[in-house]
PDB file of N, CA and C in Angstrom:
ATOM      1  N   MET A   1      21.638  21.688   6.794  1.00  0.00           N
ATOM      2  CA  MET A   1      19.931  21.728   6.819  1.00  0.00           C
ATOM      3  C   MET A   1      19.692  20.664   7.970  1.00  0.00           C
ATOM      4  N   ALA A   2      18.754  21.417   8.904  1.00  0.00           N
ATOM      5  CA  ALA A   2      18.252  20.278   9.715  1.00  0.00           C
ATOM      6  C   ALA A   2      17.018  19.545   9.391  1.00  0.00           C
ATOM      7  N   LYS A   3      17.037  17.986  10.042  1.00  0.00           N
ATOM      8  CA  LYS A   3      16.179  17.504   9.917  1.00  0.00           C
ATOM      9  C   LYS A   3      14.574  18.248  10.098  1.00  0.00           C
ATOM     10  N   MET A   4      13.331  17.355   9.207  1.00  0.00           N
ATOM     11  CA  MET A   4      12.453  18.165   9.568  1.00  0.00           C
ATOM     12  C   MET A   4      11.760  17.258  10.933  1.00  0.00           C
ATOM     13  N   THR A   5      11.224  17.840  11.714  1.00  0.00           N
ATOM     14  CA  THR A   5      10.328  17.662  12.715  1.00  0.00           C
ATOM     15  C   THR A   5       9.008  16.594  12.192  1.00  0.00           C
ATOM     16  N   LYS A   6       8.418  15.915  13.020  1.00  0.00           N
ATOM     17  CA  LYS A   6       7.347  15.460  12.781  1.00  0.00           C
ATOM     18  C   LYS A   6       6.004  16.472  12.282  1.00  0.00           C
ATOM     19  N   ALA A   7       5.990  17.339  13.506  1.00  0.00           N
ATOM     20  CA  ALA A   7       4.977  18.569  13.088  1.00  0.00           C
ATOM     21  C   ALA A   7       5.457  19.399  11.911  1.00  0.00           C
ATOM     22  N   GLN A   8       6.432  19.456  11.537  1.00  0.00           N
ATOM     23  CA  GLN A   8       6.992  20.284  10.355  1.00  0.00           C
ATOM     24  C   GLN A   8       6.452  19.421   9.142  1.00  0.00           C
ATOM     25  N   ILE A   9       6.527  18.139   9.053  1.00  0.00           N
ATOM     26  CA  ILE A   9       6.113  17.092   8.144  1.00  0.00           C
ATOM     27  C   ILE A   9       4.407  17.510   8.015  1.00  0.00           C
ATOM     28  N   MET A  10       4.036  17.159   9.077  1.00  0.00           N
ATOM     29  CA  MET A  10       2.388  16.938   8.855  1.00  0.00           C
ATOM     30  C   MET A  10       2.047  18.638   8.355  1.00  0.00           C
ATOM     31  N   SER A  11       2.860  19.729   8.857  1.00  0.00           N
ATOM     32  CA  SER A  11       1.920  20.918   8.145  1.00  0.00           C
ATOM     33  C   SER A  11       2.659  20.981   6.975  1.00  0.00           C
ATOM     34  N   ALA A  12       3.711  20.442   6.288  1.00  0.00           N
ATOM     35  CA  ALA A  12       4.056  20.623   5.138  1.00  0.00           C
ATOM     36  C   ALA A  12       2.822  19.603   4.282  1.00  0.00           C
ATOM     37  N   LEU A  13       2.658  18.854   4.374  1.00  0.00           N
ATOM     38  CA  LEU A  13       1.877  17.754   4.061  1.00  0.00           C
ATOM     39  C   LEU A  13       0.342  18.055   3.982  1.00  0.00           C
ATOM     40  N   ALA A  14      -0.103  18.897   5.060  1.00  0.00           N
ATOM     41  CA  ALA A  14      -1.314  19.507   4.785  1.00  0.00           C
ATOM     42  C   ALA A  14      -1.327  20.641   4.026  1.00  0.00           C
ATOM     43  N   GLU A  15      -0.425  21.549   3.679  1.00  0.00           N
ATOM     44  CA  GLU A  15      -0.126  22.715   2.773  1.00  0.00           C
ATOM     45  C   GLU A  15      -0.291  22.207   1.527  1.00  0.00           C
ATOM     46  N   LYS A  16       0.508  20.790   1.702  1.00  0.00           N
ATOM     47  CA  LYS A  16       0.494  20.478  -0.144  1.00  0.00           C
ATOM     48  C   LYS A  16      -0.667  19.830  -0.676  1.00  0.00           C
ATOM     49  N   THR A  17      -1.492  19.059   0.394  1.00  0.00           N
ATOM     50  CA  THR A  17      -2.138  18.545  -0.289  1.00  0.00           C
ATOM     51  C   THR A  17      -3.754  19.288  -0.163  1.00  0.00           C
ATOM     52  N   GLY A  18      -3.776  20.312   0.766  1.00  0.00           N
ATOM     53  CA  GLY A  18      -5.089  21.522   1.068  1.00  0.00           C
ATOM     54  C   GLY A  18      -6.148  20.579   2.058  1.00  0.00           C
ATOM     55  N   LEU A  19      -5.568  19.726   2.497  1.00  0.00           N
ATOM     56  CA  LEU A  19      -6.231  18.971   3.825  1.00  0.00           C
ATOM     57  C   LEU A  19      -5.891  19.730   4.924  1.00  0.00           C
ATOM     58  N   ALA A  20      -6.827  19.455   5.843  1.00  0.00           N
ATOM     59  CA  ALA A  20      -6.552  20.261   7.286  1.00  0.00           C
ATOM     60  C   ALA A  20      -5.175  19.205   8.462  1.00  0.00           C
ATOM     61  N   LYS A  21      -4.783  20.186   8.802  1.00  0.00           N
ATOM     62  CA  LYS A  21      -3.434  19.333   9.683  1.00  0.00           C
ATOM     63  C   LYS A  21      -4.081  18.459  10.644  1.00  0.00           C
ATOM     64  N   LYS A  22      -5.050  18.363  10.906  1.00  0.00           N
ATOM     65  CA  LYS A  22      -5.822  17.051  11.901  1.00  0.00           C
ATOM     66  C   LYS A  22      -6.113  16.002  10.898  1.00  0.00           C
ATOM     67  N   GLU A  23      -6.631  16.267   9.869  1.00  0.00           N
ATOM     68  CA  GLU A  23      -6.629  15.115   8.770  1.00  0.00           C
ATOM     69  C   GLU A  23      -5.263  14.362   8.221  1.00  0.00           C
ATOM     70  N   VAL A  24      -4.227  14.970   7.991  1.00  0.00           N
ATOM     71  CA  VAL A  24      -3.130  14.648   7.366  1.00  0.00           C
ATOM     72  C   VAL A  24      -2.949  13.557   8.892  1.00  0.00           C
ATOM     73  N   VAL A  25      -2.597  14.428   9.854  1.00  0.00           N
ATOM     74  CA  VAL A  25      -2.079  13.343  11.087  1.00  0.00           C
ATOM     75  C   VAL A  25      -3.172  12.254  11.337  1.00  0.00           C
ATOM     76  N   ALA A  26      -4.519  12.326  11.343  1.00  0.00           N
ATOM     77  CA  ALA A  26      -4.926  11.020  11.182  1.00  0.00           C
ATOM     78  C   ALA A  26      -4.799  10.198   9.929  1.00  0.00           C
ATOM     79  N   PHE A  27      -4.538  10.739   8.980  1.00  0.00           N
ATOM     80  CA  PHE A  27      -4.204   9.661   7.828  1.00  0.00           C
ATOM     81  C   PHE A  27      -2.809   9.189   7.919  1.00  0.00           C
ATOM     82  N   MET A  28      -1.645   9.746   8.458  1.00  0.00           N
ATOM     83  CA  MET A  28      -0.464   9.141   8.478  1.00  0.00           C
ATOM     84  C   MET A  28      -0.666   8.047   9.987  1.00  0.00           C
ATOM     85  N   ASP A  29      -1.443   8.620  11.008  1.00  0.00           N
ATOM     86  CA  ASP A  29      -1.795   7.636  11.848  1.00  0.00           C
ATOM     87  C   ASP A  29      -2.157   6.079  11.151  1.00  0.00           C
ATOM     88  N   ALA A  30      -3.165   6.325  10.582  1.00  0.00           N
ATOM     89  CA  ALA A  30      -3.825   5.193  10.259  1.00  0.00           C
ATOM     90  C   ALA A  30      -3.015   4.086   9.534  1.00  0.00           C
ATOM     91  N   LEU A  31      -2.469   4.891   8.288  1.00  0.00           N
ATOM     92  CA  LEU A  31      -1.187   4.162   7.265  1.00  0.00           C
ATOM     93  C   LEU A  31      -0.121   3.657   8.361  1.00  0.00           C
ATOM     94  N   THR A  32       0.082   4.046   9.592  1.00  0.00           N
ATOM     95  CA  THR A  32       1.268   3.353  10.297  1.00  0.00           C
ATOM     96  C   THR A  32       0.918   2.535  11.009  1.00  0.00           C
ATOM     97  N   SER A  33      -0.391   2.764  11.294  1.00  0.00           N
ATOM     98  CA  SER A  33      -0.872   1.309  12.349  1.00  0.00           C
ATOM     99  C   SER A  33      -1.300   0.132  11.031  1.00  0.00           C
ATOM    100  N   MET A  34      -1.832   0.361   9.945  1.00  0.00           N
ATOM    101  CA  MET A  34      -2.230  -0.681   9.186  1.00  0.00           C
ATOM    102  C   MET A  34      -0.768  -1.134   8.473  1.00  0.00           C
ATOM    103  N   ALA A  35       0.273  -0.258   8.203  1.00  0.00           N
ATOM    104  CA  ALA A  35       1.906  -0.820   7.886  1.00  0.00           C
ATOM    105  C   ALA A  35       2.028  -2.172   9.113  1.00  0.00           C
ATOM    106  N   TYR A  36       1.939  -1.644  10.073  1.00  0.00           N
ATOM    107  CA  TYR A  36       2.584  -2.378  11.583  1.00  0.00           C
ATOM    108  C   TYR A  36       1.516  -3.778  11.749  1.00  0.00           C
ATOM    109  N   SER A  37       0.408  -3.876  11.334  1.00  0.00           N
ATOM    110  CA  SER A  37      -0.169  -5.315  11.240  1.00  0.00           C
ATOM    111  C   SER A  37      -0.338  -5.873  10.099  1.00  0.00           C
ATOM    112  N   GLU A  38      -0.118  -5.196   9.188  1.00  0.00           N
ATOM    113  CA  GLU A  38       0.588  -6.080   7.336  1.00  0.00           C
ATOM    114  C   GLU A  38       1.612  -6.796   8.029  1.00  0.00           C
ATOM    115  N   VAL A  39       2.690  -6.186   8.301  1.00  0.00           N
ATOM    116  CA  VAL A  39       4.101  -6.660   8.767  1.00  0.00           C
ATOM    117  C   VAL A  39       3.811  -7.650   9.499  1.00  0.00           C
ATOM    118  N   LYS A  40       3.185  -7.555  10.666  1.00  0.00           N
ATOM    119  CA  LYS A  40       2.980  -8.895  11.653  1.00  0.00           C
ATOM    120  C   LYS A  40       2.014 -10.013  10.962  1.00  0.00           C
ATOM    121  N   LYS A  41       1.227  -9.686  10.200  1.00  0.00           N
ATOM    122  CA  LYS A  41       0.492 -10.826   9.783  1.00  0.00           C
ATOM    123  C   LYS A  41       1.045 -11.309   8.580  1.00  0.00           C
ATOM    124  N   ASN A  42       1.255 -10.636   7.530  1.00  0.00           N
ATOM    125  CA  ASN A  42       1.640 -11.066   6.261  1.00  0.00           C
ATOM    126  C   ASN A  42       3.130 -10.961   6.109  1.00  0.00           C
ATOM    127  N   GLY A  43       3.958 -10.188   6.851  1.00  0.00           N
ATOM    128  CA  GLY A  43       5.439 -10.131   6.826  1.00  0.00           C
ATOM    129  C   GLY A  43       5.835  -9.311   5.830  1.00  0.00           C
ATOM    130  N   GLU A  44       4.823  -8.395   5.208  1.00  0.00           N
ATOM    131  CA  GLU A  44       5.354  -7.081   4.626  1.00  0.00           C
ATOM    132  C   GLU A  44       4.760  -6.328   3.825  1.00  0.00           C
ATOM    133  N   PHE A  45       4.842  -4.887   4.181  1.00  0.00           N
ATOM    134  CA  PHE A  45       3.763  -3.724   3.752  1.00  0.00           C
ATOM    135  C   PHE A  45       4.505  -2.952   2.871  1.00  0.00           C
ATOM    136  N   VAL A  46       4.022  -2.919   1.545  1.00  0.00           N
ATOM    137  CA  VAL A  46       4.546  -2.415   0.326  1.00  0.00           C
ATOM    138  C   VAL A  46       3.853  -0.776   0.280  1.00  0.00           C
ATOM    139  N   LEU A  47       4.544   0.029   0.180  1.00  0.00           N
ATOM    140  CA  LEU A  47       4.103   1.740  -0.385  1.00  0.00           C
ATOM    141  C   LEU A  47       4.941   1.993  -1.616  1.00  0.00           C
ATOM    142  N   PRO A  48       3.780   1.958  -2.655  1.00  0.00           N
ATOM    143  CA  PRO A  48       4.398   1.980  -3.980  1.00  0.00           C
ATOM    144  C   PRO A  48       5.203   3.516  -4.219  1.00  0.00           C
ATOM    145  N   GLY A  49       6.036   3.365  -4.600  1.00  0.00           N
ATOM    146  CA  GLY A  49       7.033   4.184  -5.171  1.00  0.00           C
ATOM    147  C   GLY A  49       7.774   4.960  -3.867  1.00  0.00           C
ATOM    148  N   PHE A  50       7.953   4.248  -2.892  1.00  0.00           N
ATOM    149  CA  PHE A  50       8.791   4.715  -1.540  1.00  0.00           C
ATOM    150  C   PHE A  50       9.439   3.439  -1.119  1.00  0.00           C
ATOM    151  N   GLY A  51       8.807   1.990  -0.806  1.00  0.00           N
ATOM    152  CA  GLY A  51       9.660   0.816  -0.509  1.00  0.00           C
ATOM    153  C   GLY A  51       8.698  -0.028   0.017  1.00  0.00           C
ATOM    154  N   LYS A  52       8.977  -0.905   0.691  1.00  0.00           N
ATOM    155  CA  LYS A  52       8.652  -1.735   1.746  1.00  0.00           C
ATOM    156  C   LYS A  52       9.383  -2.416   2.902  1.00  0.00           C
ATOM    157  N   LEU A  53       8.241  -2.390   3.810  1.00  0.00           N
ATOM    158  CA  LEU A  53       8.752  -2.743   5.215  1.00  0.00           C
ATOM    159  C   LEU A  53       8.685  -4.199   5.339  1.00  0.00           C
ATOM    160  N   VAL A  54       9.315  -4.908   5.730  1.00  0.00           N
ATOM    161  CA  VAL A  54       9.581  -6.623   5.718  1.00  0.00           C
ATOM    162  C   VAL A  54      10.079  -7.173   7.048  1.00  0.00           C
ATOM    163  N   LYS A  55       9.312  -8.377   7.558  1.00  0.00           N
ATOM    164  CA  LYS A  55       9.817  -8.879   8.461  1.00  0.00           C
ATOM    165  C   LYS A  55      10.895  -9.887   8.046  1.00  0.00           C
ATOM    166  N   VAL A  56      12.070  -9.790   8.540  1.00  0.00           N
ATOM    167  CA  VAL A  56      12.979 -11.098   8.386  1.00  0.00           C
ATOM    168  C   VAL A  56      13.379 -11.922   9.174  1.00  0.00           C
ATOM    169  N   ASN A  57      13.790 -13.233   9.375  1.00  0.00           N
ATOM    170  CA  ASN A  57      14.202 -14.145  10.326  1.00  0.00           C
ATOM    171  C   ASN A  57      15.628 -13.661  10.364  1.00  0.00           C
ATOM    172  N   ARG A  58      16.346 -13.646  11.538  1.00  0.00           N
ATOM    173  CA  ARG A  58      17.680 -13.399  11.574  1.00  0.00           C
ATOM    174  C   ARG A  58      18.449 -14.564  12.272  1.00  0.00           C
ATOM    175  N   LYS A  59      19.635 -15.300  11.892  1.00  0.00           N
ATOM    176  CA  LYS A  59      19.923 -16.659  12.167  1.00  0.00           C
ATOM    177  C   LYS A  59      20.760 -16.421  13.613  1.00  0.00           C
ATOM    178  N   ALA A  60      20.743 -17.446  14.335  1.00  0.00           N
ATOM    179  CA  ALA A  60      21.712 -17.438  15.480  1.00  0.00           C
ATOM    180  C   ALA A  60      23.031 -17.157  14.923  1.00  0.00           C
ATOM    181  N   ARG A  61      23.866 -16.622  15.708  1.00  0.00           N
ATOM    182  CA  ARG A  61      25.446 -16.216  15.273  1.00  0.00           C
ATOM    183  C   ARG A  61      26.244 -15.798  16.394  1.00  0.00           C
ATOM    184  N   MET A  62      27.932 -16.180  16.201  1.00  0.00           N
ATOM    185  CA  MET A  62      28.546 -15.925  17.240  1.00  0.00           C
ATOM    186  C   MET A  62      29.119 -14.430  17.142  1.00  0.00           C
ATOM    187  N   GLY A  63      29.026 -13.818  18.084  1.00  0.00           N
ATOM    188  CA  GLY A  63      29.459 -12.387  18.366  1.00  0.00           C
ATOM    189  C   GLY A  63      30.643 -12.183  19.624  1.00  0.00           C
ATOM    190  N   VAL A  64      31.104 -11.050  19.429  1.00  0.00           N
ATOM    191  CA  VAL A  64      32.161 -10.503  20.478  1.00  0.00           C
ATOM    192  C   VAL A  64      31.785  -9.410  20.910  1.00  0.00           C
ATOM    193  N   ASN A  65      32.274  -9.579  22.446  1.00  0.00           N
ATOM    194  CA  ASN A  65      31.746  -8.549  22.991  1.00  0.00           C
ATOM    195  C   ASN A  65      33.173  -7.490  23.147  1.00  0.00           C
ATOM    196  N   PRO A  66      32.719  -6.002  22.801  1.00  0.00           N
ATOM    197  CA  PRO A  66      33.882  -5.375  22.307  1.00  0.00           C
ATOM    198  C   PRO A  66      34.705  -4.934  23.654  1.00  0.00           C
ATOM    199  N   ALA A  67      34.303  -4.808  24.704  1.00  0.00           N
ATOM    200  CA  ALA A  67      34.379  -4.450  26.138  1.00  0.00           C
ATOM    201  C   ALA A  67      35.763  -5.546  26.752  1.00  0.00           C
ATOM    202  N   THR A  68      35.418  -6.849  26.426  1.00  0.00           N
ATOM    203  CA  THR A  68      36.302  -8.272  26.897  1.00  0.00           C
ATOM    204  C   THR A  68      36.957  -8.638  25.789  1.00  0.00           C
ATOM    205  N   GLY A  69      36.000  -8.656  24.574  1.00  0.00           N
ATOM    206  CA  GLY A  69      36.722  -9.640  23.201  1.00  0.00           C
ATOM    207  C   GLY A  69      36.374 -10.923  23.671  1.00  0.00           C
ATOM    208  N   ALA A  70      35.656 -11.359  24.636  1.00  0.00           N
ATOM    209  CA  ALA A  70      34.839 -12.752  24.794  1.00  0.00           C
ATOM    210  C   ALA A  70      33.924 -12.711  23.768  1.00  0.00           C
ATOM    211  N   LYS A  71      33.807 -14.394  23.418  1.00  0.00           N
ATOM    212  CA  LYS A  71      33.057 -14.782  22.209  1.00  0.00           C
ATOM    213  C   LYS A  71      31.727 -14.792  22.947  1.00  0.00           C
ATOM    214  N   ILE A  72      30.518 -14.613  22.310  1.00  0.00           N
ATOM    215  CA  ILE A  72      29.449 -14.940  22.961  1.00  0.00           C
ATOM    216  C   ILE A  72      28.466 -15.170  21.797  1.00  0.00           C
ATOM    217  N   GLN A  73      27.213 -16.068  22.231  1.00  0.00           N
ATOM    218  CA  GLN A  73      26.165 -16.608  21.503  1.00  0.00           C
ATOM    219  C   GLN A  73      25.141 -15.638  21.008  1.00  0.00           C
ATOM    220  N   ILE A  74      24.736 -15.179  20.047  1.00  0.00           N
ATOM    221  CA  ILE A  74      23.532 -14.244  19.944  1.00  0.00           C
ATOM    222  C   ILE A  74      22.670 -15.099  19.364  1.00  0.00           C
ATOM    223  N   ALA A  75      21.445 -15.036  20.126  1.00  0.00           N
ATOM    224  CA  ALA A  75      20.298 -15.742  19.579  1.00  0.00           C
ATOM    225  C   ALA A  75      19.719 -15.329  18.607  1.00  0.00           C
ATOM    226  N   ALA A  76      18.766 -16.400  17.682  1.00  0.00           N
ATOM    227  CA  ALA A  76      18.072 -15.965  16.443  1.00  0.00           C
ATOM    228  C   ALA A  76      16.988 -15.092  16.822  1.00  0.00           C
ATOM    229  N   LYS A  77      16.560 -14.009  16.040  1.00  0.00           N
ATOM    230  CA  LYS A  77      15.444 -13.295  16.295  1.00  0.00           C
ATOM    231  C   LYS A  77      14.697 -12.399  15.006  1.00  0.00           C
ATOM    232  N   THR A  78      13.732 -12.008  15.147  1.00  0.00           N
ATOM    233  CA  THR A  78      12.904 -11.569  13.976  1.00  0.00           C
ATOM    234  C   THR A  78      13.385 -10.054  14.073  1.00  0.00           C
ATOM    235  N   VAL A  79      13.386  -9.383  12.891  1.00  0.00           N
ATOM    236  CA  VAL A  79      13.490  -8.020  12.646  1.00  0.00           C
ATOM    237  C   VAL A  79      13.087  -7.386  11.979  1.00  0.00           C
ATOM    238  N   ALA A  80      12.645  -6.072  11.822  1.00  0.00           N
ATOM    239  CA  ALA A  80      12.108  -5.633  10.717  1.00  0.00           C
ATOM    240  C   ALA A  80      12.730  -4.635  10.146  1.00  0.00           C
ATOM    241  N   LYS A  81      12.386  -4.781   8.610  1.00  0.00           N
ATOM    242  CA  LYS A  81      13.612  -3.974   8.168  1.00  0.00           C
ATOM    243  C   LYS A  81      12.664  -2.943   6.870  1.00  0.00           C
ATOM    244  N   PHE A  82      13.244  -2.068   6.199  1.00  0.00           N
ATOM    245  CA  PHE A  82      12.750  -1.129   5.609  1.00  0.00           C
ATOM    246  C   PHE A  82      13.417  -1.155   3.974  1.00  0.00           C
ATOM    247  N   ARG A  83      13.108  -1.439   2.531  1.00  0.00           N
ATOM    248  CA  ARG A  83      13.973  -1.701   1.950  1.00  0.00           C
ATOM    249  C   ARG A  83      13.065  -0.587   0.845  1.00  0.00           C
ATOM    250  N   LEU A  84      14.326   0.019   0.564  1.00  0.00           N
ATOM    251  CA  LEU A  84      13.679   1.361  -0.573  1.00  0.00           C
ATOM    252  C   LEU A  84      13.736   1.001  -2.135  1.00  0.00           C
ATOM    253  N   ALA A  85      12.619   1.742  -2.330  1.00  0.00           N
ATOM    254  CA  ALA A  85      11.837   1.108  -4.000  1.00  0.00           C
ATOM    255  C   ALA A  85      13.190   1.572  -5.076  1.00  0.00           C
ATOM    256  N   LYS A  86      13.291   0.923  -5.990  1.00  0.00           N
ATOM    257  CA  LYS A  86      14.119   1.429  -6.998  1.00  0.00           C
ATOM    258  C   LYS A  86      14.039   2.792  -7.337  1.00  0.00           C
ATOM    259  N   VAL A  87      12.657   2.820  -7.539  1.00  0.00           N
ATOM    260  CA  VAL A  87      12.079   4.681  -8.112  1.00  0.00           C
ATOM    261  C   VAL A  87      12.810   5.578  -6.974  1.00  0.00           C
ATOM    262  N   ALA A  88      12.674   5.170  -5.558  1.00  0.00           N
ATOM    263  CA  ALA A  88      12.948   6.215  -4.615  1.00  0.00           C
ATOM    264  C   ALA A  88      14.575   6.431  -4.351  1.00  0.00           C
ATOM    265  N   LYS A  89      15.122   5.295  -4.626  1.00  0.00           N
ATOM    266  CA  LYS A  89      16.607   5.289  -4.708  1.00  0.00           C
ATOM    267  C   LYS A  89      17.275   5.946  -5.787  1.00  0.00           C
ATOM    268  N   GLU A  90      16.769   6.184  -7.314  1.00  0.00           N
ATOM    269  CA  GLU A  90      16.995   6.891  -8.045  1.00  0.00           C
ATOM    270  C   GLU A  90      16.628   8.386  -7.866  1.00  0.00           C
ATOM    271  N   ALA A  91      15.735   8.784  -7.344  1.00  0.00           N
ATOM    272  CA  ALA A  91      15.303   9.883  -7.001  1.00  0.00           C
ATOM    273  C   ALA A  91      16.123  10.817  -6.350  1.00  0.00           C
ATOM    274  N   VAL A  92      16.538   9.550  -5.144  1.00  0.00           N
ATOM    275  CA  VAL A  92      17.745  10.396  -4.221  1.00  0.00           C
ATOM    276  C   VAL A  92      18.816  10.393  -4.601  1.00  0.00           C
ATOM    277  N   LEU A  93      18.949   9.781  -4.970  1.00  0.00           N
ATOM    278  CA  LEU A  93      20.847   9.293  -5.206  1.00  0.00           C
ATOM    279  C   LEU A  93      20.782   9.666  -6.692  1.00  0.00           C
TER     280      LEU A  93
END
């Protein structure tokens, strides 16, 4: 089975909710921008029943260049991770 495209997801949501496709697209865009700003400001954004998007500080570490085998220093950085909710995990698995 092929993955759903963004357009297919928006159409399916519009069908299931009875909203116009434009309204669904606007809602999803608003939700996305809210999630990004909340993670940037507070470090996490929770979507109940689905999971949460969190900002995590990754420490500096030593790595290996796979082409040459040389050891390199990887700098510390901040990354975004998505943690799946237990309910979602149980529903999918």
